[in-house]
Amino acid sequence: MSVLDALKGVLRISLIHDGLARGLREAAKALDRRQAHMCVLNEGCEEEAYKKLVIALCSEHKIPLIKVPDGKMLGEWVGLCMFSPPRTTFW
């Protein structure tokens, strides 16, 4: 089992138990309140200010940061996006 496979499982379980802060606003609040146990960031994020904010909050509060190479894959894992079998977005 790879790290990304394990992360996918953890995110699915967290989603079921309503334990995910999704999006910049929710994530920043959770990080600043120190409610987050870890943070997952899309490496392909084009907004440098967003990346700097998340990285700074994680380092300030000593929260582990995991970077995922594919944003679409991450969106699917956390329930923000769904894909049909040929991997075309339908939501």
PDB file of N, CA and C in Angstrom:
ATOM      1  N   MET A   1       0.849  -1.179   0.000  1.00  0.00           N
ATOM      2  CA  MET A   1       0.000   0.000   0.000  1.00  0.00           C
ATOM      3  C   MET A   1       0.893   1.240   0.000  1.00  0.00           C
ATOM      4  N   SER A   2       0.620   2.151  -0.910  1.00  0.00           N
ATOM      5  CA  SER A   2       1.414   3.374  -0.997  1.00  0.00           C
ATOM      6  C   SER A   2       0.881   4.421  -0.014  1.00  0.00           C
ATOM      7  N   VAL A   3       1.637   5.473   0.153  1.00  0.00           N
ATOM      8  CA  VAL A   3       1.233   6.557   1.047  1.00  0.00           C
ATOM      9  C   VAL A   3      -0.056   7.205   0.541  1.00  0.00           C
ATOM     10  N   LEU A   4      -0.161   7.390  -0.773  1.00  0.00           N
ATOM     11  CA  LEU A   4      -1.363   8.010  -1.332  1.00  0.00           C
ATOM     12  C   LEU A   4      -2.595   7.123  -1.159  1.00  0.00           C
ATOM     13  N   ASP A   5      -2.420   5.810  -1.250  1.00  0.00           N
ATOM     14  CA  ASP A   5      -3.541   4.894  -1.012  1.00  0.00           C
ATOM     15  C   ASP A   5      -4.003   4.971   0.440  1.00  0.00           C
ATOM     16  N   ALA A   6      -3.056   5.030   1.356  1.00  0.00           N
ATOM     17  CA  ALA A   6      -3.393   5.144   2.775  1.00  0.00           C
ATOM     18  C   ALA A   6      -4.070   6.484   3.062  1.00  0.00           C
ATOM     19  N   LEU A   7      -3.560   7.548   2.440  1.00  0.00           N
ATOM     20  CA  LEU A   7      -4.156   8.873   2.614  1.00  0.00           C
ATOM     21  C   LEU A   7      -5.593   8.895   2.100  1.00  0.00           C
ATOM     22  N   LYS A   8      -5.818   8.257   0.976  1.00  0.00           N
ATOM     23  CA  LYS A   8      -7.167   8.172   0.405  1.00  0.00           C
ATOM     24  C   LYS A   8      -8.120   7.514   1.402  1.00  0.00           C
ATOM     25  N   GLY A   9      -7.687   6.431   2.026  1.00  0.00           N
ATOM     26  CA  GLY A   9      -8.515   5.748   3.015  1.00  0.00           C
ATOM     27  C   GLY A   9      -8.801   6.608   4.232  1.00  0.00           C
ATOM     28  N   VAL A  10      -7.792   7.309   4.714  1.00  0.00           N
ATOM     29  CA  VAL A  10      -7.965   8.180   5.882  1.00  0.00           C
ATOM     30  C   VAL A  10      -8.935   9.316   5.565  1.00  0.00           C
ATOM     31  N   LEU A  11      -8.806   9.897   4.373  1.00  0.00           N
ATOM     32  CA  LEU A  11      -9.694  10.993   3.990  1.00  0.00           C
ATOM     33  C   LEU A  11     -11.132  10.515   3.828  1.00  0.00           C
ATOM     34  N   ARG A  12     -11.322   9.326   3.296  1.00  0.00           N
ATOM     35  CA  ARG A  12     -12.676   8.764   3.150  1.00  0.00           C
ATOM     36  C   ARG A  12     -13.326   8.557   4.520  1.00  0.00           C
ATOM     37  N   ILE A  13     -12.565   8.009   5.458  1.00  0.00           N
ATOM     38  CA  ILE A  13     -13.093   7.783   6.809  1.00  0.00           C
ATOM     39  C   ILE A  13     -13.413   9.113   7.485  1.00  0.00           C
ATOM     40  N   SER A  14     -12.533  10.102   7.319  1.00  0.00           N
ATOM     41  CA  SER A  14     -12.773  11.427   7.901  1.00  0.00           C
ATOM     42  C   SER A  14     -14.004  12.082   7.297  1.00  0.00           C
ATOM     43  N   LEU A  15     -14.214  11.880   6.007  1.00  0.00           N
ATOM     44  CA  LEU A  15     -15.389  12.437   5.335  1.00  0.00           C
ATOM     45  C   LEU A  15     -16.668  11.820   5.891  1.00  0.00           C
ATOM     46  N   ILE A  16     -16.652  10.525   6.119  1.00  0.00           N
ATOM     47  CA  ILE A  16     -17.818   9.829   6.661  1.00  0.00           C
ATOM     48  C   ILE A  16     -18.161  10.337   8.060  1.00  0.00           C
ATOM     49  N   HIS A  17     -17.139  10.618   8.866  1.00  0.00           N
ATOM     50  CA  HIS A  17     -17.346  11.050  10.248  1.00  0.00           C
ATOM     51  C   HIS A  17     -17.381  12.569  10.396  1.00  0.00           C
ATOM     52  N   ASP A  18     -17.522  13.285   9.281  1.00  0.00           N
ATOM     53  CA  ASP A  18     -17.614  14.747   9.268  1.00  0.00           C
ATOM     54  C   ASP A  18     -16.402  15.396   9.939  1.00  0.00           C
ATOM     55  N   GLY A  19     -15.224  14.894   9.607  1.00  0.00           N
ATOM     56  CA  GLY A  19     -14.010  15.413  10.213  1.00  0.00           C
ATOM     57  C   GLY A  19     -13.098  16.143   9.249  1.00  0.00           C
ATOM     58  N   LEU A  20     -13.628  16.579   8.096  1.00  0.00           N
ATOM     59  CA  LEU A  20     -12.795  17.265   7.107  1.00  0.00           C
ATOM     60  C   LEU A  20     -13.143  18.741   7.034  1.00  0.00           C
ATOM     61  N   ALA A  21     -12.111  19.563   6.950  1.00  0.00           N
ATOM     62  CA  ALA A  21     -12.274  20.980   6.631  1.00  0.00           C
ATOM     63  C   ALA A  21     -11.815  21.122   5.191  1.00  0.00           C
ATOM     64  N   ARG A  22     -12.756  21.378   4.275  1.00  0.00           N
ATOM     65  CA  ARG A  22     -12.442  21.418   2.850  1.00  0.00           C
ATOM     66  C   ARG A  22     -12.492  22.846   2.347  1.00  0.00           C
ATOM     67  N   GLY A  23     -11.522  23.201   1.538  1.00  0.00           N
ATOM     68  CA  GLY A  23     -11.451  24.549   1.000  1.00  0.00           C
ATOM     69  C   GLY A  23     -10.536  25.416   1.844  1.00  0.00           C
ATOM     70  N   LEU A  24     -10.143  26.541   1.272  1.00  0.00           N
ATOM     71  CA  LEU A  24      -9.177  27.418   1.937  1.00  0.00           C
ATOM     72  C   LEU A  24      -9.725  28.002   3.232  1.00  0.00           C
ATOM     73  N   ARG A  25     -10.946  28.506   3.203  1.00  0.00           N
ATOM     74  CA  ARG A  25     -11.508  29.158   4.391  1.00  0.00           C
ATOM     75  C   ARG A  25     -11.641  28.185   5.566  1.00  0.00           C
ATOM     76  N   GLU A  26     -12.251  27.037   5.331  1.00  0.00           N
ATOM     77  CA  GLU A  26     -12.420  26.045   6.399  1.00  0.00           C
ATOM     78  C   GLU A  26     -11.074  25.539   6.897  1.00  0.00           C
ATOM     79  N   ALA A  27     -10.159  25.296   5.963  1.00  0.00           N
ATOM     80  CA  ALA A  27      -8.844  24.779   6.345  1.00  0.00           C
ATOM     81  C   ALA A  27      -8.067  25.804   7.164  1.00  0.00           C
ATOM     82  N   ALA A  28      -8.098  27.059   6.740  1.00  0.00           N
ATOM     83  CA  ALA A  28      -7.377  28.103   7.477  1.00  0.00           C
ATOM     84  C   ALA A  28      -7.931  28.254   8.891  1.00  0.00           C
ATOM     85  N   LYS A  29      -9.248  28.193   9.035  1.00  0.00           N
ATOM     86  CA  LYS A  29      -9.857  28.271  10.367  1.00  0.00           C
ATOM     87  C   LYS A  29      -9.411  27.105  11.246  1.00  0.00           C
ATOM     88  N   ALA A  30      -9.467  25.893  10.692  1.00  0.00           N
ATOM     89  CA  ALA A  30      -9.088  24.703  11.464  1.00  0.00           C
ATOM     90  C   ALA A  30      -7.610  24.737  11.837  1.00  0.00           C
ATOM     91  N   LEU A  31      -6.768  25.182  10.911  1.00  0.00           N
ATOM     92  CA  LEU A  31      -5.336  25.261  11.196  1.00  0.00           C
ATOM     93  C   LEU A  31      -5.053  26.312  12.263  1.00  0.00           C
ATOM     94  N   ASP A  32      -5.695  27.467  12.152  1.00  0.00           N
ATOM     95  CA  ASP A  32      -5.453  28.545  13.107  1.00  0.00           C
ATOM     96  C   ASP A  32      -5.964  28.199  14.497  1.00  0.00           C
ATOM     97  N   ARG A  33      -7.052  27.454  14.578  1.00  0.00           N
ATOM     98  CA  ARG A  33      -7.595  27.028  15.876  1.00  0.00           C
ATOM     99  C   ARG A  33      -6.896  25.791  16.430  1.00  0.00           C
ATOM    100  N   ARG A  34      -5.972  25.263  15.657  1.00  0.00           N
ATOM    101  CA  ARG A  34      -5.222  24.049  16.013  1.00  0.00           C
ATOM    102  C   ARG A  34      -6.140  22.838  16.172  1.00  0.00           C
ATOM    103  N   GLN A  35      -7.184  22.790  15.370  1.00  0.00           N
ATOM    104  CA  GLN A  35      -8.100  21.655  15.379  1.00  0.00           C
ATOM    105  C   GLN A  35      -7.671  20.590  14.381  1.00  0.00           C
ATOM    106  N   ALA A  36      -6.771  20.930  13.491  1.00  0.00           N
ATOM    107  CA  ALA A  36      -6.348  20.006  12.433  1.00  0.00           C
ATOM    108  C   ALA A  36      -5.255  19.071  12.941  1.00  0.00           C
ATOM    109  N   HIS A  37      -5.341  17.813  12.539  1.00  0.00           N
ATOM    110  CA  HIS A  37      -4.303  16.838  12.867  1.00  0.00           C
ATOM    111  C   HIS A  37      -3.280  16.746  11.752  1.00  0.00           C
ATOM    112  N   MET A  38      -3.705  17.097  10.535  1.00  0.00           N
ATOM    113  CA  MET A  38      -2.809  17.146   9.380  1.00  0.00           C
ATOM    114  C   MET A  38      -3.469  18.001   8.314  1.00  0.00           C
ATOM    115  N   CYS A  39      -2.670  18.393   7.329  1.00  0.00           N
ATOM    116  CA  CYS A  39      -3.180  19.208   6.235  1.00  0.00           C
ATOM    117  C   CYS A  39      -2.716  18.587   4.925  1.00  0.00           C
ATOM    118  N   VAL A  40      -3.604  18.561   3.938  1.00  0.00           N
ATOM    119  CA  VAL A  40      -3.277  18.016   2.619  1.00  0.00           C
ATOM    120  C   VAL A  40      -3.408  19.151   1.614  1.00  0.00           C
ATOM    121  N   LEU A  41      -2.334  19.397   0.867  1.00  0.00           N
ATOM    122  CA  LEU A  41      -2.280  20.512  -0.077  1.00  0.00           C
ATOM    123  C   LEU A  41      -2.021  20.001  -1.480  1.00  0.00           C
ATOM    124  N   ASN A  42      -2.718  20.573  -2.442  1.00  0.00           N
ATOM    125  CA  ASN A  42      -2.506  20.241  -3.848  1.00  0.00           C
ATOM    126  C   ASN A  42      -1.240  20.945  -4.334  1.00  0.00           C
ATOM    127  N   GLU A  43      -0.273  20.193  -4.830  1.00  0.00           N
ATOM    128  CA  GLU A  43       0.961  20.791  -5.339  1.00  0.00           C
ATOM    129  C   GLU A  43       0.716  21.656  -6.568  1.00  0.00           C
ATOM    130  N   GLY A  44      -0.346  21.377  -7.304  1.00  0.00           N
ATOM    131  CA  GLY A  44      -0.630  22.103  -8.532  1.00  0.00           C
ATOM    132  C   GLY A  44      -1.414  23.392  -8.326  1.00  0.00           C
ATOM    133  N   CYS A  45      -1.587  23.821  -7.099  1.00  0.00           N
ATOM    134  CA  CYS A  45      -2.318  25.056  -6.819  1.00  0.00           C
ATOM    135  C   CYS A  45      -1.582  26.230  -7.461  1.00  0.00           C
ATOM    136  N   GLU A  46      -2.312  27.019  -8.247  1.00  0.00           N
ATOM    137  CA  GLU A  46      -1.687  28.114  -8.980  1.00  0.00           C
ATOM    138  C   GLU A  46      -1.623  29.408  -8.176  1.00  0.00           C
ATOM    139  N   GLU A  47      -2.384  29.510  -7.109  1.00  0.00           N
ATOM    140  CA  GLU A  47      -2.379  30.714  -6.277  1.00  0.00           C
ATOM    141  C   GLU A  47      -1.281  30.601  -5.221  1.00  0.00           C
ATOM    142  N   GLU A  48      -0.196  31.302  -5.436  1.00  0.00           N
ATOM    143  CA  GLU A  48       0.939  31.240  -4.510  1.00  0.00           C
ATOM    144  C   GLU A  48       0.566  31.752  -3.120  1.00  0.00           C
ATOM    145  N   ALA A  49      -0.323  32.732  -3.050  1.00  0.00           N
ATOM    146  CA  ALA A  49      -0.733  33.273  -1.752  1.00  0.00           C
ATOM    147  C   ALA A  49      -1.431  32.205  -0.912  1.00  0.00           C
ATOM    148  N   TYR A  50      -2.258  31.370  -1.547  1.00  0.00           N
ATOM    149  CA  TYR A  50      -2.933  30.291  -0.835  1.00  0.00           C
ATOM    150  C   TYR A  50      -1.916  29.301  -0.280  1.00  0.00           C
ATOM    151  N   LYS A  51      -0.976  28.926  -1.135  1.00  0.00           N
ATOM    152  CA  LYS A  51       0.040  27.960  -0.711  1.00  0.00           C
ATOM    153  C   LYS A  51       0.856  28.513   0.454  1.00  0.00           C
ATOM    154  N   LYS A  52       1.262  29.772   0.350  1.00  0.00           N
ATOM    155  CA  LYS A  52       2.061  30.387   1.413  1.00  0.00           C
ATOM    156  C   LYS A  52       1.290  30.433   2.725  1.00  0.00           C
ATOM    157  N   LEU A  53       0.001  30.764   2.650  1.00  0.00           N
ATOM    158  CA  LEU A  53      -0.824  30.829   3.854  1.00  0.00           C
ATOM    159  C   LEU A  53      -0.916  29.470   4.532  1.00  0.00           C
ATOM    160  N   VAL A  54      -1.225  28.451   3.768  1.00  0.00           N
ATOM    161  CA  VAL A  54      -1.381  27.108   4.332  1.00  0.00           C
ATOM    162  C   VAL A  54      -0.058  26.601   4.899  1.00  0.00           C
ATOM    163  N   ILE A  55       1.019  26.782   4.157  1.00  0.00           N
ATOM    164  CA  ILE A  55       2.335  26.337   4.619  1.00  0.00           C
ATOM    165  C   ILE A  55       2.734  27.085   5.888  1.00  0.00           C
ATOM    166  N   ALA A  56       2.474  28.392   5.940  1.00  0.00           N
ATOM    167  CA  ALA A  56       2.821  29.186   7.121  1.00  0.00           C
ATOM    168  C   ALA A  56       2.020  28.749   8.347  1.00  0.00           C
ATOM    169  N   LEU A  57       0.722  28.525   8.174  1.00  0.00           N
ATOM    170  CA  LEU A  57      -0.102  28.082   9.306  1.00  0.00           C
ATOM    171  C   LEU A  57       0.330  26.708   9.805  1.00  0.00           C
ATOM    172  N   CYS A  58       0.659  25.825   8.881  1.00  0.00           N
ATOM    173  CA  CYS A  58       1.116  24.486   9.279  1.00  0.00           C
ATOM    174  C   CYS A  58       2.431  24.557  10.042  1.00  0.00           C
ATOM    175  N   SER A  59       3.353  25.359   9.559  1.00  0.00           N
ATOM    176  CA  SER A  59       4.655  25.437  10.233  1.00  0.00           C
ATOM    177  C   SER A  59       4.541  26.171  11.568  1.00  0.00           C
ATOM    178  N   GLU A  60       3.681  27.190  11.635  1.00  0.00           N
ATOM    179  CA  GLU A  60       3.512  27.941  12.878  1.00  0.00           C
ATOM    180  C   GLU A  60       2.950  27.068  13.994  1.00  0.00           C
ATOM    181  N   HIS A  61       1.986  26.223  13.649  1.00  0.00           N
ATOM    182  CA  HIS A  61       1.329  25.389  14.658  1.00  0.00           C
ATOM    183  C   HIS A  61       1.843  23.952  14.678  1.00  0.00           C
ATOM    184  N   LYS A  62       2.907  23.692  13.917  1.00  0.00           N
ATOM    185  CA  LYS A  62       3.545  22.368  13.866  1.00  0.00           C
ATOM    186  C   LYS A  62       2.550  21.264  13.478  1.00  0.00           C
ATOM    187  N   ILE A  63       1.798  21.532  12.416  1.00  0.00           N
ATOM    188  CA  ILE A  63       0.830  20.577  11.886  1.00  0.00           C
ATOM    189  C   ILE A  63       1.433  19.943  10.643  1.00  0.00           C
ATOM    190  N   PRO A  64       1.462  18.617  10.557  1.00  0.00           N
ATOM    191  CA  PRO A  64       2.054  17.952   9.385  1.00  0.00           C
ATOM    192  C   PRO A  64       1.336  18.333   8.090  1.00  0.00           C
ATOM    193  N   LEU A  65       2.131  18.562   7.045  1.00  0.00           N
ATOM    194  CA  LEU A  65       1.603  18.948   5.738  1.00  0.00           C
ATOM    195  C   LEU A  65       1.960  17.874   4.723  1.00  0.00           C
ATOM    196  N   ILE A  66       0.955  17.378   4.024  1.00  0.00           N
ATOM    197  CA  ILE A  66       1.154  16.371   2.980  1.00  0.00           C
ATOM    198  C   ILE A  66       0.774  17.009   1.658  1.00  0.00           C
ATOM    199  N   LYS A  67       1.653  16.892   0.663  1.00  0.00           N
ATOM    200  CA  LYS A  67       1.383  17.462  -0.655  1.00  0.00           C
ATOM    201  C   LYS A  67       0.994  16.353  -1.620  1.00  0.00           C
ATOM    202  N   VAL A  68      -0.102  16.587  -2.341  1.00  0.00           N
ATOM    203  CA  VAL A  68      -0.628  15.623  -3.309  1.00  0.00           C
ATOM    204  C   VAL A  68      -0.438  16.210  -4.702  1.00  0.00           C
ATOM    205  N   PRO A  69       0.096  15.416  -5.642  1.00  0.00           N
ATOM    206  CA  PRO A  69       0.402  15.956  -6.972  1.00  0.00           C
ATOM    207  C   PRO A  69      -0.807  16.266  -7.846  1.00  0.00           C
ATOM    208  N   ASP A  70      -1.924  15.615  -7.660  1.00  0.00           N
ATOM    209  CA  ASP A  70      -3.071  15.779  -8.547  1.00  0.00           C
ATOM    210  C   ASP A  70      -4.268  16.352  -7.797  1.00  0.00           C
ATOM    211  N   GLY A  71      -4.671  17.561  -8.154  1.00  0.00           N
ATOM    212  CA  GLY A  71      -5.783  18.222  -7.489  1.00  0.00           C
ATOM    213  C   GLY A  71      -7.125  17.567  -7.747  1.00  0.00           C
ATOM    214  N   LYS A  72      -7.332  17.040  -8.952  1.00  0.00           N
ATOM    215  CA  LYS A  72      -8.595  16.369  -9.263  1.00  0.00           C
ATOM    216  C   LYS A  72      -8.759  15.114  -8.417  1.00  0.00           C
ATOM    217  N   MET A  73      -7.667  14.406  -8.245  1.00  0.00           N
ATOM    218  CA  MET A  73      -7.684  13.194  -7.439  1.00  0.00           C
ATOM    219  C   MET A  73      -8.008  13.556  -5.979  1.00  0.00           C
ATOM    220  N   LEU A  74      -7.383  14.599  -5.471  1.00  0.00           N
ATOM    221  CA  LEU A  74      -7.635  15.039  -4.104  1.00  0.00           C
ATOM    222  C   LEU A  74      -9.087  15.487  -3.938  1.00  0.00           C
ATOM    223  N   GLY A  75      -9.607  16.215  -4.908  1.00  0.00           N
ATOM    224  CA  GLY A  75     -10.999  16.647  -4.862  1.00  0.00           C
ATOM    225  C   GLY A  75     -11.968  15.486  -4.817  1.00  0.00           C
ATOM    226  N   GLU A  76     -11.649  14.445  -5.552  1.00  0.00           N
ATOM    227  CA  GLU A  76     -12.487  13.240  -5.537  1.00  0.00           C
ATOM    228  C   GLU A  76     -12.416  12.557  -4.175  1.00  0.00           C
ATOM    229  N   TRP A  77     -11.236  12.480  -3.597  1.00  0.00           N
ATOM    230  CA  TRP A  77     -11.063  11.816  -2.301  1.00  0.00           C
ATOM    231  C   TRP A  77     -11.855  12.499  -1.196  1.00  0.00           C
ATOM    232  N   VAL A  78     -11.932  13.835  -1.230  1.00  0.00           N
ATOM    233  CA  VAL A  78     -12.599  14.561  -0.145  1.00  0.00           C
ATOM    234  C   VAL A  78     -14.055  14.882  -0.455  1.00  0.00           C
ATOM    235  N   GLY A  79     -14.560  14.376  -1.578  1.00  0.00           N
ATOM    236  CA  GLY A  79     -15.965  14.524  -1.900  1.00  0.00           C
ATOM    237  C   GLY A  79     -16.349  15.839  -2.541  1.00  0.00           C
ATOM    238  N   LEU A  80     -15.396  16.595  -3.060  1.00  0.00           N
ATOM    239  CA  LEU A  80     -15.713  17.856  -3.729  1.00  0.00           C
ATOM    240  C   LEU A  80     -16.040  17.662  -5.198  1.00  0.00           C
ATOM    241  N   CYS A  81     -15.637  16.550  -5.752  1.00  0.00           N
ATOM    242  CA  CYS A  81     -15.802  16.304  -7.175  1.00  0.00           C
ATOM    243  C   CYS A  81     -16.017  14.809  -7.368  1.00  0.00           C
ATOM    244  N   MET A  82     -16.798  14.454  -8.393  1.00  0.00           N
ATOM    245  CA  MET A  82     -17.012  13.045  -8.699  1.00  0.00           C
ATOM    246  C   MET A  82     -16.682  12.799 -10.160  1.00  0.00           C
ATOM    247  N   PHE A  83     -16.254  11.598 -10.467  1.00  0.00           N
ATOM    248  CA  PHE A  83     -15.877  11.248 -11.824  1.00  0.00           C
ATOM    249  C   PHE A  83     -16.679  10.055 -12.309  1.00  0.00           C
ATOM    250  N   SER A  84     -16.985  10.062 -13.591  1.00  0.00           N
ATOM    251  CA  SER A  84     -17.588   8.892 -14.215  1.00  0.00           C
ATOM    252  C   SER A  84     -16.467   7.925 -14.569  1.00  0.00           C
ATOM    253  N   PRO A  85     -16.752   6.676 -14.877  1.00  0.00           N
ATOM    254  CA  PRO A  85     -15.701   5.683 -15.121  1.00  0.00           C
ATOM    255  C   PRO A  85     -14.593   6.088 -16.105  1.00  0.00           C
ATOM    256  N   PRO A  86     -14.874   6.776 -17.219  1.00  0.00           N
ATOM    257  CA  PRO A  86     -13.741   7.153 -18.077  1.00  0.00           C
ATOM    258  C   PRO A  86     -12.987   8.385 -17.563  1.00  0.00           C
ATOM    259  N   ARG A  87     -13.167   8.731 -16.295  1.00  0.00           N
ATOM    260  CA  ARG A  87     -12.458   9.827 -15.628  1.00  0.00           C
ATOM    261  C   ARG A  87     -12.843  11.205 -16.167  1.00  0.00           C
ATOM    262  N   THR A  88     -14.090  11.383 -16.546  1.00  0.00           N
ATOM    263  CA  THR A  88     -14.560  12.701 -16.939  1.00  0.00           C
ATOM    264  C   THR A  88     -15.427  13.248 -15.814  1.00  0.00           C
ATOM    265  N   THR A  89     -15.237  14.491 -15.488  1.00  0.00           N
ATOM    266  CA  THR A  89     -15.953  15.094 -14.374  1.00  0.00           C
ATOM    267  C   THR A  89     -17.422  15.269 -14.714  1.00  0.00           C
ATOM    268  N   PHE A  90     -18.300  14.895 -13.790  1.00  0.00           N
ATOM    269  CA  PHE A  90     -19.720  15.130 -14.015  1.00  0.00           C
ATOM    270  C   PHE A  90     -20.374  15.893 -12.881  1.00  0.00           C
ATOM    271  N   TRP A  91     -19.604  16.433 -11.986  1.00  0.00           N
ATOM    272  CA  TRP A  91     -20.178  17.209 -10.905  1.00  0.00           C
ATOM    273  C   TRP A  91     -19.484  18.520 -10.821  1.00  0.00           C
TER     274      TRP A  91
END
